[in-house]
Amino acid sequence: MTATAIDTEAPAGPLARPGKGRRPKYRLAPIGLAGLSIVLFAVFFVWPGSLGLIYSFTDYTGIGDYDFIGLANYEKLFGDPTFYQALTRSLLFAVLSVPLMYVMSLTVASLLVSDYAKGRAAAKVVFFFPWLISPIVAGVIWRWMFGESFGFVNYVVSELGGNPLAWQTDPDLALMVVVMAATWGGTAFNMLIFIAALKNVPRAYYEAAEIDGANAWQRFRHITLPSIAPTSFLVVLLSSLGAMKEFAMVQALNGGGPGTSNVFLIQYIYETGFKRADIGYASAVSMILLLILLSIALLQMWVNRRRGA
């Protein structure tokens, strides 16, 4: 009888996986890409922001040396009526333009995703075109349209038998022109965001609601708006921050006029820092604007979280 030998030796170890030696390279790639973003963020955001914070405590004029003056710039700022006027006008502009921009972009997006819409591809190009125009060019176009003595709008009003309106010398009308121009330019980008969100709403929801007898407004109110709530929050947040930082289009349209009645906070910072060579004081205003923007973002995030809860 022949005995069969049984190999009882334990395996030396787990089998080597193919390509295991190449794993470190794949681990280094994300680190390298993230590192590049971190470097760019530090160079273009952290470093200028740190310099602005430092300059806000000095009397720096843009050239030469500077002296540390503590909170003198902030004390001057909180007692400056021009600062409060610019802040009030900026907030009023945001309050007027952001809701209008939201309604316009959502309306256009809803029409473009409708099953009854024709020529949607061409319409998207037409509605997105304002976003491709430089804000300075857009400001010049709207300035030509609403000029008092040479504007196209006043020409049409005169031809219809009306009296020309003071689009440039009346502060409230001048602000309305800025609001309309900002809405015209900002609707395009928000429209694309809403189109993507509306296409992700399940069609089964609308079919079930239609079977239950819900009309178009009820379907929009109880299905569309709740489904795109996160997108609406994003659009409102970005539009609010953009409105508080509006500069180029306003500068080209009316330069903050008439006079200084429509000078926004960014224009006030620009004029103080570069025209009056008071970089220290302008940096202090910039730090206050940063706190305002952070407060707006945190407030909207808190409201959105409460509504979600």
Protein backbone atom coordinates (compact mmCIF):
# COMPACT_ATOMS: atom_id res chain seq x y z
CA MET A 1 0.00 0.00 0.00
CA THR A 2 1.48 3.28 -1.07
CA ALA A 3 1.17 6.32 1.16
CA THR A 4 0.38 9.60 -0.47
CA ALA A 5 2.39 12.56 0.79
CA ILE A 6 0.32 15.52 1.78
CA ASP A 7 1.90 18.97 1.54
CA THR A 8 0.96 20.76 4.77
CA GLU A 9 3.17 23.78 4.26
CA ALA A 10 1.33 27.08 4.58
CA PRO A 11 1.48 29.40 1.61
CA ALA A 12 4.28 31.90 1.80
CA GLY A 13 1.89 34.85 1.60
CA PRO A 14 -0.92 36.43 -0.40
CA LEU A 15 -0.55 36.39 -4.11
CA ALA A 16 0.82 39.61 -5.52
CA ARG A 17 -1.87 41.63 -7.23
CA PRO A 18 -1.13 42.75 -10.74
CA GLY A 19 -0.22 46.37 -10.91
CA LYS A 20 0.18 46.78 -7.16
CA GLY A 21 3.52 48.45 -7.63
CA ARG A 22 1.88 51.21 -9.67
CA ARG A 23 -0.50 52.32 -6.92
CA PRO A 24 1.73 55.08 -5.49
CA LYS A 25 1.61 56.84 -8.86
CA TYR A 26 -2.18 56.96 -8.75
CA ARG A 27 -2.05 58.23 -5.20
CA LEU A 28 0.33 61.03 -6.14
CA ALA A 29 -1.77 62.25 -9.07
CA PRO A 30 -4.70 63.57 -6.94
CA ILE A 31 -2.24 65.08 -4.49
CA GLY A 32 -0.44 66.85 -7.33
CA LEU A 33 -3.67 68.20 -8.85
CA ALA A 34 -4.95 69.32 -5.45
CA GLY A 35 -1.58 70.86 -4.67
CA LEU A 36 -1.72 72.98 -7.83
CA SER A 37 -5.18 74.26 -6.88
CA ILE A 38 -3.99 75.02 -3.36
CA VAL A 39 -1.00 76.97 -4.69
CA LEU A 40 -3.18 79.01 -7.06
CA PHE A 41 -5.70 79.67 -4.30
CA ALA A 42 -2.93 80.82 -1.95
CA VAL A 43 -1.31 83.08 -4.57
CA PHE A 44 -4.45 84.74 -5.91
CA PHE A 45 -6.74 84.72 -2.84
CA VAL A 46 -4.98 84.07 0.46
CA TRP A 47 -1.97 86.29 -0.19
CA PRO A 48 -3.91 89.34 -1.52
CA GLY A 49 -6.49 88.90 1.25
CA SER A 50 -3.76 88.82 3.88
CA LEU A 51 -2.16 91.94 2.42
CA GLY A 52 -5.54 93.69 2.44
CA LEU A 53 -6.05 92.80 6.08
CA ILE A 54 -2.59 94.12 6.97
CA TYR A 55 -3.03 97.31 4.95
CA SER A 56 -6.37 98.00 6.65
CA PHE A 57 -4.45 98.76 9.85
CA THR A 58 -2.01 101.12 8.14
CA ASP A 59 -1.93 104.46 6.31
CA TYR A 60 -0.54 102.91 3.13
CA THR A 61 -0.99 105.07 0.00
CA GLY A 62 0.22 102.59 -2.61
CA ILE A 63 3.83 103.75 -2.76
CA GLY A 64 6.58 104.08 -0.19
CA ASP A 65 6.47 102.94 3.40
CA TYR A 66 3.49 102.86 5.71
CA ASP A 67 2.84 103.22 9.42
CA PHE A 68 0.66 101.07 11.64
CA ILE A 69 -2.33 103.13 12.81
CA GLY A 70 -4.44 100.44 14.48
CA LEU A 71 -8.21 100.76 14.12
CA ALA A 72 -8.15 104.35 12.85
CA ASN A 73 -9.36 103.36 9.36
CA TYR A 74 -12.29 101.41 10.82
CA GLU A 75 -13.23 104.27 13.13
CA LYS A 76 -13.18 106.63 10.17
CA LEU A 77 -15.22 104.18 8.11
CA PHE A 78 -18.05 103.79 10.61
CA GLY A 79 -18.35 107.58 10.80
CA ASP A 80 -18.29 108.12 7.04
CA PRO A 81 -21.77 108.88 5.58
CA THR A 82 -20.50 108.18 2.04
CA PHE A 83 -19.73 104.61 3.07
CA TYR A 84 -23.25 104.10 4.41
CA GLN A 85 -24.72 105.60 1.24
CA ALA A 86 -22.71 103.21 -0.95
CA LEU A 87 -23.61 100.25 1.27
CA THR A 88 -27.32 101.14 1.23
CA ARG A 89 -27.33 101.54 -2.54
CA SER A 90 -25.54 98.20 -2.98
CA LEU A 91 -28.02 96.39 -0.76
CA LEU A 92 -30.95 98.03 -2.55
CA PHE A 93 -29.52 96.98 -5.89
CA ALA A 94 -29.16 93.38 -4.66
CA VAL A 95 -32.70 93.33 -3.23
CA LEU A 96 -34.14 94.56 -6.54
CA SER A 97 -32.01 92.60 -9.01
CA VAL A 98 -31.72 89.15 -7.39
CA PRO A 99 -35.49 88.32 -7.25
CA LEU A 100 -36.00 89.71 -10.75
CA MET A 101 -33.05 87.70 -12.05
CA TYR A 102 -34.37 84.55 -10.36
CA VAL A 103 -37.87 84.92 -11.83
CA MET A 104 -36.60 85.72 -15.32
CA SER A 105 -34.08 82.87 -15.47
CA LEU A 106 -36.54 80.31 -14.10
CA THR A 107 -39.26 81.47 -16.50
CA VAL A 108 -37.00 81.25 -19.53
CA ALA A 109 -35.67 77.85 -18.44
CA SER A 110 -39.19 76.51 -17.93
CA LEU A 111 -40.21 77.66 -21.39
CA LEU A 112 -37.15 76.12 -23.01
CA VAL A 113 -37.66 72.67 -21.43
CA SER A 114 -41.37 72.64 -22.27
CA ASP A 115 -42.53 69.95 -24.68
CA TYR A 116 -44.40 72.60 -26.65
CA ALA A 117 -41.37 74.84 -27.24
CA LYS A 118 -40.05 75.10 -30.80
CA GLY A 119 -36.55 76.09 -31.82
CA ARG A 120 -35.10 75.49 -28.38
CA ALA A 121 -31.50 75.21 -29.60
CA ALA A 122 -31.60 78.62 -31.30
CA ALA A 123 -33.43 80.15 -28.34
CA LYS A 124 -30.74 78.94 -25.94
CA VAL A 125 -28.07 80.66 -28.02
CA VAL A 126 -30.08 83.91 -28.14
CA PHE A 127 -30.77 83.94 -24.40
CA PHE A 128 -27.19 82.97 -23.52
CA PHE A 129 -25.63 85.63 -25.75
CA PRO A 130 -25.71 88.41 -23.08
CA TRP A 131 -23.45 86.30 -20.87
CA LEU A 132 -20.80 86.28 -23.60
CA ILE A 133 -20.68 90.08 -23.80
CA SER A 134 -18.15 91.92 -21.67
CA PRO A 135 -19.77 93.82 -18.77
CA ILE A 136 -18.14 97.01 -20.02
CA VAL A 137 -19.61 96.53 -23.50
CA ALA A 138 -22.99 95.74 -21.94
CA GLY A 139 -22.83 98.96 -19.93
CA VAL A 140 -22.06 100.99 -23.05
CA ILE A 141 -24.98 99.37 -24.92
CA TRP A 142 -27.45 100.14 -22.14
CA ARG A 143 -26.05 103.66 -21.80
CA TRP A 144 -26.74 104.24 -25.49
CA MET A 145 -30.25 102.79 -25.21
CA PHE A 146 -31.21 104.91 -22.19
CA GLY A 147 -29.40 108.14 -22.97
CA GLU A 148 -31.53 111.22 -22.27
CA SER A 149 -30.71 113.24 -25.38
CA PHE A 150 -29.58 110.49 -27.77
CA GLY A 151 -31.01 107.26 -26.33
CA PHE A 152 -33.08 104.85 -28.35
CA VAL A 153 -35.73 104.43 -25.63
CA ASN A 154 -36.39 108.17 -25.33
CA TYR A 155 -36.55 108.40 -29.12
CA VAL A 156 -39.30 105.77 -29.16
CA VAL A 157 -41.11 107.53 -26.31
CA SER A 158 -40.96 110.83 -28.17
CA GLU A 159 -42.24 109.25 -31.38
CA LEU A 160 -45.20 107.86 -29.44
CA GLY A 161 -46.04 111.34 -28.15
CA GLY A 162 -44.59 111.06 -24.65
CA ASN A 163 -42.02 113.15 -22.80
CA PRO A 164 -38.42 111.89 -22.62
CA LEU A 165 -37.48 110.46 -19.24
CA ALA A 166 -34.45 111.50 -17.18
CA TRP A 167 -32.72 108.14 -17.25
CA GLN A 168 -29.33 109.62 -16.33
CA THR A 169 -30.12 112.58 -14.11
CA ASP A 170 -32.79 110.98 -11.91
CA PRO A 171 -31.10 108.71 -9.28
CA ASP A 172 -33.99 106.26 -9.03
CA LEU A 173 -34.42 105.88 -12.79
CA ALA A 174 -30.67 105.49 -13.18
CA LEU A 175 -30.75 102.69 -10.61
CA MET A 176 -33.63 101.02 -12.45
CA VAL A 177 -31.55 101.00 -15.64
CA VAL A 178 -28.70 99.33 -13.75
CA VAL A 179 -31.09 96.72 -12.34
CA MET A 180 -32.48 95.95 -15.80
CA ALA A 181 -29.00 95.71 -17.32
CA ALA A 182 -27.79 93.39 -14.55
CA THR A 183 -30.88 91.20 -14.92
CA TRP A 184 -30.39 91.03 -18.68
CA GLY A 185 -26.78 89.96 -18.26
CA GLY A 186 -27.21 87.56 -15.35
CA THR A 187 -30.28 85.69 -16.54
CA ALA A 188 -28.33 83.67 -19.11
CA PHE A 189 -26.05 81.78 -16.73
CA ASN A 190 -28.79 81.10 -14.20
CA MET A 191 -31.00 79.89 -17.04
CA LEU A 192 -28.52 77.11 -17.86
CA ILE A 193 -28.41 76.02 -14.22
CA PHE A 194 -32.19 75.87 -14.05
CA ILE A 195 -32.44 73.95 -17.33
CA ALA A 196 -30.18 71.22 -15.93
CA ALA A 197 -32.22 71.08 -12.72
CA LEU A 198 -35.60 70.97 -14.49
CA LYS A 199 -34.49 68.11 -16.72
CA ASN A 200 -33.63 66.05 -13.63
CA VAL A 201 -37.16 66.23 -12.20
CA PRO A 202 -38.77 62.79 -12.80
CA ARG A 203 -41.50 62.92 -15.42
CA ALA A 204 -43.52 60.38 -13.44
CA TYR A 205 -44.30 63.05 -10.85
CA TYR A 206 -45.97 65.26 -13.45
CA GLU A 207 -47.85 62.36 -15.01
CA ALA A 208 -49.22 61.27 -11.64
CA ALA A 209 -50.24 64.82 -10.75
CA GLU A 210 -51.91 65.30 -14.12
CA ILE A 211 -53.90 62.10 -13.61
CA ASP A 212 -55.02 63.42 -10.22
CA GLY A 213 -56.31 66.57 -11.92
CA ALA A 214 -53.58 69.07 -10.98
CA ASN A 215 -53.32 72.02 -13.34
CA ALA A 216 -50.08 73.52 -14.67
CA TRP A 217 -49.66 76.02 -11.83
CA GLN A 218 -50.28 73.35 -9.17
CA ARG A 219 -47.73 71.04 -10.80
CA PHE A 220 -45.19 73.87 -10.94
CA ARG A 221 -45.80 74.91 -7.34
CA HIS A 222 -45.93 71.49 -5.68
CA ILE A 223 -43.52 69.51 -7.87
CA THR A 224 -41.15 71.78 -9.77
CA LEU A 225 -40.26 74.30 -7.06
CA PRO A 226 -39.62 71.71 -4.29
CA SER A 227 -37.60 69.54 -6.68
CA ILE A 228 -35.28 72.37 -7.71
CA ALA A 229 -34.97 73.90 -4.24
CA PRO A 230 -31.19 73.17 -3.93
CA THR A 231 -30.62 74.76 -7.34
CA SER A 232 -32.72 77.77 -6.37
CA PHE A 233 -30.61 78.20 -3.26
CA LEU A 234 -27.43 78.11 -5.35
CA VAL A 235 -28.78 80.63 -7.85
CA VAL A 236 -29.92 83.06 -5.14
CA LEU A 237 -26.61 82.75 -3.30
CA LEU A 238 -24.44 83.34 -6.38
CA SER A 239 -26.67 86.16 -7.60
CA SER A 240 -26.58 87.89 -4.21
CA LEU A 241 -22.80 87.72 -4.00
CA GLY A 242 -22.47 88.88 -7.60
CA ALA A 243 -24.81 91.82 -7.05
CA MET A 244 -22.81 93.02 -4.07
CA LYS A 245 -19.64 92.90 -6.19
CA GLU A 246 -21.03 94.55 -9.34
CA PHE A 247 -18.55 97.06 -10.76
CA ALA A 248 -17.58 96.97 -14.45
CA MET A 249 -21.07 97.21 -15.94
CA VAL A 250 -22.12 100.02 -13.56
CA GLN A 251 -18.90 101.91 -14.18
CA ALA A 252 -19.45 101.81 -17.94
CA LEU A 253 -23.19 102.56 -17.74
CA ASN A 254 -23.35 105.63 -15.52
CA GLY A 255 -20.20 105.67 -13.38
CA GLY A 256 -22.30 105.65 -10.22
CA GLY A 257 -24.21 108.72 -11.30
CA PRO A 258 -25.86 111.03 -11.35
CA GLY A 259 -23.12 112.44 -9.16
CA THR A 260 -22.45 109.93 -6.40
CA SER A 261 -26.05 108.88 -5.80
CA ASN A 262 -25.57 105.39 -7.29
CA VAL A 263 -22.02 104.63 -6.21
CA PHE A 264 -21.89 101.02 -5.07
CA LEU A 265 -19.51 99.65 -2.47
CA ILE A 266 -17.04 98.24 -5.00
CA GLN A 267 -16.91 101.59 -6.80
CA TYR A 268 -16.36 103.32 -3.47
CA ILE A 269 -13.42 101.00 -2.77
CA TYR A 270 -11.98 101.62 -6.24
CA GLU A 271 -12.26 105.40 -6.04
CA THR A 272 -10.87 105.54 -2.51
CA GLY A 273 -7.95 103.22 -3.17
CA PHE A 274 -6.85 104.19 -6.68
CA LYS A 275 -8.13 107.72 -7.28
CA ARG A 276 -7.49 109.09 -3.78
CA ALA A 277 -4.45 106.86 -3.12
CA ASP A 278 -5.78 105.75 0.27
CA ILE A 279 -5.07 102.02 0.09
CA GLY A 280 -5.27 101.56 3.85
CA TYR A 281 -8.79 102.97 4.12
CA ALA A 282 -9.93 101.13 0.97
CA SER A 283 -8.60 97.88 2.44
CA ALA A 284 -10.65 98.46 5.58
CA VAL A 285 -13.78 98.90 3.45
CA SER A 286 -12.86 95.69 1.60
CA MET A 287 -12.65 93.78 4.88
CA ILE A 288 -16.11 95.03 5.86
CA LEU A 289 -17.43 93.96 2.45
CA LEU A 290 -15.89 90.53 3.01
CA LEU A 291 -17.72 90.21 6.33
CA ILE A 292 -20.98 91.29 4.67
CA LEU A 293 -20.59 88.67 1.93
CA LEU A 294 -19.78 85.97 4.47
CA SER A 295 -22.82 86.99 6.51
CA ILE A 296 -25.07 86.80 3.44
CA ALA A 297 -23.74 83.35 2.53
CA LEU A 298 -24.02 81.99 6.08
CA LEU A 299 -27.52 83.43 6.51
CA GLN A 300 -28.76 81.86 3.30
CA MET A 301 -27.16 78.53 4.21
CA TRP A 302 -28.82 78.64 7.63
CA VAL A 303 -32.22 79.42 6.11
CA ASN A 304 -31.80 76.63 3.55
CA ARG A 305 -30.83 74.16 6.30
CA ARG A 306 -33.82 75.15 8.40
CA ARG A 307 -36.16 74.69 5.46
CA GLY A 308 -34.61 71.32 4.69
CA ALA A 309 -35.06 70.22 8.31
